[in-house]
Amino acid sequence: MPSGTSHWEQVEFSFKKHQKGCHLVTSEVLSKIPQLKDYTIGTLTVFIKHTSAALTLNENCDPSVRVDMHNTLARIAPEDERLYTHNDEGPDDMPGHVKSSLLGASVTIPITNGRLNTGTWQGIWLCEFRDEVYRGRTAVATINGLKAK
C-alpha cells in the first residue's frame, strides 16, 4: 500500500463548444489538468455543471459507436413536445434532461503513475443533447491522490 500524504487539486474549465452528439474529449480534459502527471496513485473525477449534457466513459476508437449511442438515446428520449410537460426551452430540452440523467454528470477514473488507468478502448465522452449551446460546457476536475516525491 502506498504511503504518504493525500493531495487534493481542483480545476474548473470549459470544454470547447460541441454540436449535439457524443464527442471523445479525453485529450481535451487532459490538457486542462497537466498536474495529473504528478500523481503516482489516485482518482480523477470530472463533473459537468449542466443538466442537458453528460459525461461517460466508453469506446475511444471507432467513431461510429458515438453515432450509434447518440441515435439510441434519441430513440429512448425522443424530441416530441407531446411527451413532456416541461417544454419551455424547446423540443430538445426535456429529452436532454432525461439523457443526462441516464448517462450521468460525472466520471471517476483511477490514476496510476501519472496517467489515467483506463482500459485500452476507453475514453471520456462529452454527450451534448442541445442544438443551441452558445458556449462550451463548464466542468470541474478533482484530483485526489499521492504525488511522486
C-alpha atoms as a PDB file:
ATOM      1  CA  MET A   1       0.000   0.000   0.000  1.00  0.00           C
ATOM      2  CA  PRO A   2       1.492   3.373  -0.975  1.00  0.00           C
ATOM      3  CA  SER A   3       2.216   5.712   1.892  1.00  0.00           C
ATOM      4  CA  GLY A   4       2.357   9.482   2.057  1.00  0.00           C
ATOM      5  CA  THR A   5       0.102  12.481   2.285  1.00  0.00           C
ATOM      6  CA  SER A   6      -3.026  12.634   0.207  1.00  0.00           C
ATOM      7  CA  HIS A   7      -3.243  15.692  -2.025  1.00  0.00           C
ATOM      8  CA  TRP A   8      -6.319  17.358  -3.500  1.00  0.00           C
ATOM      9  CA  GLU A   9      -6.481  19.636  -6.517  1.00  0.00           C
ATOM     10  CA  GLN A  10      -9.468  21.079  -8.297  1.00  0.00           C
ATOM     11  CA  VAL A  11      -9.720  22.851 -11.645  1.00  0.00           C
ATOM     12  CA  GLU A  12     -12.799  24.383 -13.246  1.00  0.00           C
ATOM     13  CA  PHE A  13     -12.682  24.613 -17.040  1.00  0.00           C
ATOM     14  CA  SER A  14     -14.856  24.880 -20.125  1.00  0.00           C
ATOM     15  CA  PHE A  15     -14.987  22.397 -22.928  1.00  0.00           C
ATOM     16  CA  LYS A  16     -14.829  23.847 -26.404  1.00  0.00           C
ATOM     17  CA  LYS A  17     -18.281  24.207 -27.944  1.00  0.00           C
ATOM     18  CA  HIS A  18     -19.572  20.901 -29.344  1.00  0.00           C
ATOM     19  CA  GLN A  19     -22.545  20.184 -31.556  1.00  0.00           C
ATOM     20  CA  LYS A  20     -25.312  17.840 -30.470  1.00  0.00           C
ATOM     21  CA  GLY A  21     -23.903  14.310 -30.262  1.00  0.00           C
ATOM     22  CA  CYS A  22     -21.326  12.233 -28.400  1.00  0.00           C
ATOM     23  CA  HIS A  23     -17.747  13.501 -28.528  1.00  0.00           C
ATOM     24  CA  LEU A  24     -14.458  11.956 -27.410  1.00  0.00           C
ATOM     25  CA  VAL A  25     -12.891  14.567 -25.086  1.00  0.00           C
ATOM     26  CA  THR A  26     -10.155  12.680 -23.231  1.00  0.00           C
ATOM     27  CA  SER A  27      -7.392  14.825 -24.745  1.00  0.00           C
ATOM     28  CA  GLU A  28      -9.350  17.992 -24.029  1.00  0.00           C
ATOM     29  CA  VAL A  29      -9.735  17.004 -20.359  1.00  0.00           C
ATOM     30  CA  LEU A  30      -6.065  16.036 -20.001  1.00  0.00           C
ATOM     31  CA  SER A  31      -4.960  19.369 -21.500  1.00  0.00           C
ATOM     32  CA  LYS A  32      -6.806  21.152 -18.673  1.00  0.00           C
ATOM     33  CA  ILE A  33      -5.156  19.131 -15.860  1.00  0.00           C
ATOM     34  CA  PRO A  34      -1.420  18.800 -16.609  1.00  0.00           C
ATOM     35  CA  GLN A  35      -0.774  18.281 -12.883  1.00  0.00           C
ATOM     36  CA  LEU A  36      -2.200  14.747 -13.255  1.00  0.00           C
ATOM     37  CA  LYS A  37       1.309  13.600 -14.228  1.00  0.00           C
ATOM     38  CA  ASP A  38       2.490  14.401 -10.676  1.00  0.00           C
ATOM     39  CA  TYR A  39       0.292  11.697  -9.080  1.00  0.00           C
ATOM     40  CA  THR A  40       1.510   8.143  -8.581  1.00  0.00           C
ATOM     41  CA  ILE A  41      -1.881   6.838  -7.448  1.00  0.00           C
ATOM     42  CA  GLY A  42      -5.284   8.418  -7.031  1.00  0.00           C
ATOM     43  CA  THR A  43      -8.548   9.253  -8.734  1.00  0.00           C
ATOM     44  CA  LEU A  44      -9.775  11.865 -11.147  1.00  0.00           C
ATOM     45  CA  THR A  45     -13.420  12.888 -11.051  1.00  0.00           C
ATOM     46  CA  VAL A  46     -14.762  15.115 -13.817  1.00  0.00           C
ATOM     47  CA  PHE A  47     -18.191  16.663 -13.192  1.00  0.00           C
ATOM     48  CA  ILE A  48     -20.196  18.616 -15.784  1.00  0.00           C
ATOM     49  CA  LYS A  49     -22.211  21.539 -14.424  1.00  0.00           C
ATOM     50  CA  HIS A  50     -25.182  21.239 -16.797  1.00  0.00           C
ATOM     51  CA  THR A  51     -28.469  19.332 -16.860  1.00  0.00           C
ATOM     52  CA  SER A  52     -28.714  18.761 -20.615  1.00  0.00           C
ATOM     53  CA  ALA A  53     -25.258  17.291 -21.224  1.00  0.00           C
ATOM     54  CA  ALA A  54     -23.471  14.287 -19.757  1.00  0.00           C
ATOM     55  CA  LEU A  55     -20.108  12.622 -19.294  1.00  0.00           C
ATOM     56  CA  THR A  56     -19.480   8.935 -19.725  1.00  0.00           C
ATOM     57  CA  LEU A  57     -16.605   6.520 -20.269  1.00  0.00           C
ATOM     58  CA  ASN A  58     -16.883   4.489 -23.447  1.00  0.00           C
ATOM     59  CA  GLU A  59     -15.317   3.454 -26.779  1.00  0.00           C
ATOM     60  CA  ASN A  60     -12.349   5.628 -27.780  1.00  0.00           C
ATOM     61  CA  CYS A  61     -11.509   4.187 -31.181  1.00  0.00           C
ATOM     62  CA  ASP A  62     -14.442   3.702 -33.545  1.00  0.00           C
ATOM     63  CA  PRO A  63     -16.412   6.967 -34.031  1.00  0.00           C
ATOM     64  CA  SER A  64     -19.456   5.010 -35.224  1.00  0.00           C
ATOM     65  CA  VAL A  65     -20.036   3.931 -31.598  1.00  0.00           C
ATOM     66  CA  ARG A  66     -20.615   7.581 -30.671  1.00  0.00           C
ATOM     67  CA  VAL A  67     -23.078   7.967 -33.568  1.00  0.00           C
ATOM     68  CA  ASP A  68     -24.910   4.798 -32.525  1.00  0.00           C
ATOM     69  CA  MET A  69     -25.094   5.996 -28.914  1.00  0.00           C
ATOM     70  CA  HIS A  70     -26.487   9.377 -29.979  1.00  0.00           C
ATOM     71  CA  ASN A  71     -29.096   7.654 -32.164  1.00  0.00           C
ATOM     72  CA  THR A  72     -30.032   5.169 -29.434  1.00  0.00           C
ATOM     73  CA  LEU A  73     -30.501   7.930 -26.874  1.00  0.00           C
ATOM     74  CA  ALA A  74     -32.665   9.812 -29.402  1.00  0.00           C
ATOM     75  CA  ARG A  75     -34.957   6.769 -29.588  1.00  0.00           C
ATOM     76  CA  ILE A  76     -35.084   6.403 -25.793  1.00  0.00           C
ATOM     77  CA  ALA A  77     -35.930  10.091 -25.195  1.00  0.00           C
ATOM     78  CA  PRO A  78     -37.320  11.462 -28.466  1.00  0.00           C
ATOM     79  CA  GLU A  79     -37.735  15.163 -29.186  1.00  0.00           C
ATOM     80  CA  ASP A  80     -41.519  15.220 -29.136  1.00  0.00           C
ATOM     81  CA  GLU A  81     -43.067  18.026 -27.078  1.00  0.00           C
ATOM     82  CA  ARG A  82     -46.284  15.994 -26.730  1.00  0.00           C
ATOM     83  CA  LEU A  83     -44.421  13.571 -24.445  1.00  0.00           C
ATOM     84  CA  TYR A  84     -43.270  16.118 -21.849  1.00  0.00           C
ATOM     85  CA  THR A  85     -44.755  18.686 -19.505  1.00  0.00           C
ATOM     86  CA  HIS A  86     -41.544  20.763 -19.312  1.00  0.00           C
ATOM     87  CA  ASN A  87     -41.094  22.323 -22.757  1.00  0.00           C
ATOM     88  CA  ASP A  88     -40.247  25.992 -22.055  1.00  0.00           C
ATOM     89  CA  GLU A  89     -36.790  25.816 -23.644  1.00  0.00           C
ATOM     90  CA  GLY A  90     -37.577  23.970 -26.861  1.00  0.00           C
ATOM     91  CA  PRO A  91     -38.113  20.412 -28.008  1.00  0.00           C
ATOM     92  CA  ASP A  92     -34.589  19.206 -27.180  1.00  0.00           C
ATOM     93  CA  ASP A  93     -34.517  20.482 -23.574  1.00  0.00           C
ATOM     94  CA  MET A  94     -36.545  17.870 -21.675  1.00  0.00           C
ATOM     95  CA  PRO A  95     -35.142  14.953 -23.697  1.00  0.00           C
ATOM     96  CA  GLY A  96     -31.699  16.387 -22.831  1.00  0.00           C
ATOM     97  CA  HIS A  97     -32.528  16.203 -19.127  1.00  0.00           C
ATOM     98  CA  VAL A  98     -33.628  12.571 -19.482  1.00  0.00           C
ATOM     99  CA  LYS A  99     -30.477  11.598 -21.404  1.00  0.00           C
ATOM    100  CA  SER A 100     -28.273  13.435 -18.906  1.00  0.00           C
ATOM    101  CA  SER A 101     -29.835  11.501 -16.028  1.00  0.00           C
ATOM    102  CA  LEU A 102     -29.390   8.202 -17.856  1.00  0.00           C
ATOM    103  CA  LEU A 103     -25.666   8.732 -18.518  1.00  0.00           C
ATOM    104  CA  GLY A 104     -24.729  10.899 -15.537  1.00  0.00           C
ATOM    105  CA  ALA A 105     -22.968  14.136 -14.760  1.00  0.00           C
ATOM    106  CA  SER A 106     -19.553  12.718 -13.834  1.00  0.00           C
ATOM    107  CA  VAL A 107     -16.897  10.102 -14.429  1.00  0.00           C
ATOM    108  CA  THR A 108     -14.323   8.860 -11.920  1.00  0.00           C
ATOM    109  CA  ILE A 109     -11.157   7.255 -13.243  1.00  0.00           C
ATOM    110  CA  PRO A 110      -8.153   5.766 -11.389  1.00  0.00           C
ATOM    111  CA  ILE A 111      -4.763   7.441 -11.759  1.00  0.00           C
ATOM    112  CA  THR A 112      -1.667   5.223 -11.913  1.00  0.00           C
ATOM    113  CA  ASN A 113       1.844   6.614 -12.398  1.00  0.00           C
ATOM    114  CA  GLY A 114       0.660   9.962 -13.733  1.00  0.00           C
ATOM    115  CA  ARG A 115      -1.808   8.574 -16.262  1.00  0.00           C
ATOM    116  CA  LEU A 116      -5.474   7.685 -16.408  1.00  0.00           C
ATOM    117  CA  ASN A 117      -5.762   3.952 -15.806  1.00  0.00           C
ATOM    118  CA  THR A 118      -8.467   3.235 -18.355  1.00  0.00           C
ATOM    119  CA  GLY A 119      -8.986   0.176 -20.484  1.00  0.00           C
ATOM    120  CA  THR A 120      -7.421   0.047 -23.931  1.00  0.00           C
ATOM    121  CA  TRP A 121     -10.607   1.111 -25.691  1.00  0.00           C
ATOM    122  CA  GLN A 122     -11.976   3.573 -23.114  1.00  0.00           C
ATOM    123  CA  GLY A 123     -12.164   7.333 -23.390  1.00  0.00           C
ATOM    124  CA  ILE A 124     -14.096  10.200 -21.836  1.00  0.00           C
ATOM    125  CA  TRP A 125     -17.127  11.328 -23.808  1.00  0.00           C
ATOM    126  CA  LEU A 126     -18.981  14.614 -23.591  1.00  0.00           C
ATOM    127  CA  CYS A 127     -22.549  13.995 -24.698  1.00  0.00           C
ATOM    128  CA  GLU A 128     -24.254  17.182 -25.841  1.00  0.00           C
ATOM    129  CA  PHE A 129     -28.042  16.996 -26.017  1.00  0.00           C
ATOM    130  CA  ARG A 130     -28.973  20.542 -27.110  1.00  0.00           C
ATOM    131  CA  ASP A 131     -28.987  22.076 -30.596  1.00  0.00           C
ATOM    132  CA  GLU A 132     -28.141  25.589 -29.459  1.00  0.00           C
ATOM    133  CA  VAL A 133     -25.331  25.797 -26.959  1.00  0.00           C
ATOM    134  CA  TYR A 134     -23.841  29.274 -27.024  1.00  0.00           C
ATOM    135  CA  ARG A 135     -20.590  28.472 -25.241  1.00  0.00           C
ATOM    136  CA  GLY A 136     -18.640  25.465 -24.069  1.00  0.00           C
ATOM    137  CA  ARG A 137     -19.949  23.429 -21.165  1.00  0.00           C
ATOM    138  CA  THR A 138     -18.317  24.018 -17.773  1.00  0.00           C
ATOM    139  CA  ALA A 139     -16.772  21.159 -15.827  1.00  0.00           C
ATOM    140  CA  VAL A 140     -14.915  20.642 -12.555  1.00  0.00           C
ATOM    141  CA  ALA A 141     -11.986  18.211 -12.391  1.00  0.00           C
ATOM    142  CA  THR A 142     -10.998  16.993  -8.932  1.00  0.00           C
ATOM    143  CA  ILE A 143      -7.820  15.006  -8.355  1.00  0.00           C
ATOM    144  CA  ASN A 144      -7.155  13.151  -5.119  1.00  0.00           C
ATOM    145  CA  GLY A 145      -4.105  11.002  -4.539  1.00  0.00           C
ATOM    146  CA  LEU A 146      -0.463  10.631  -3.710  1.00  0.00           C
ATOM    147  CA  LYS A 147       2.139  12.684  -5.530  1.00  0.00           C
ATOM    148  CA  ALA A 148       5.562  11.460  -6.585  1.00  0.00           C
ATOM    149  CA  LYS A 149       8.281  12.572  -4.183  1.00  0.00           C
END
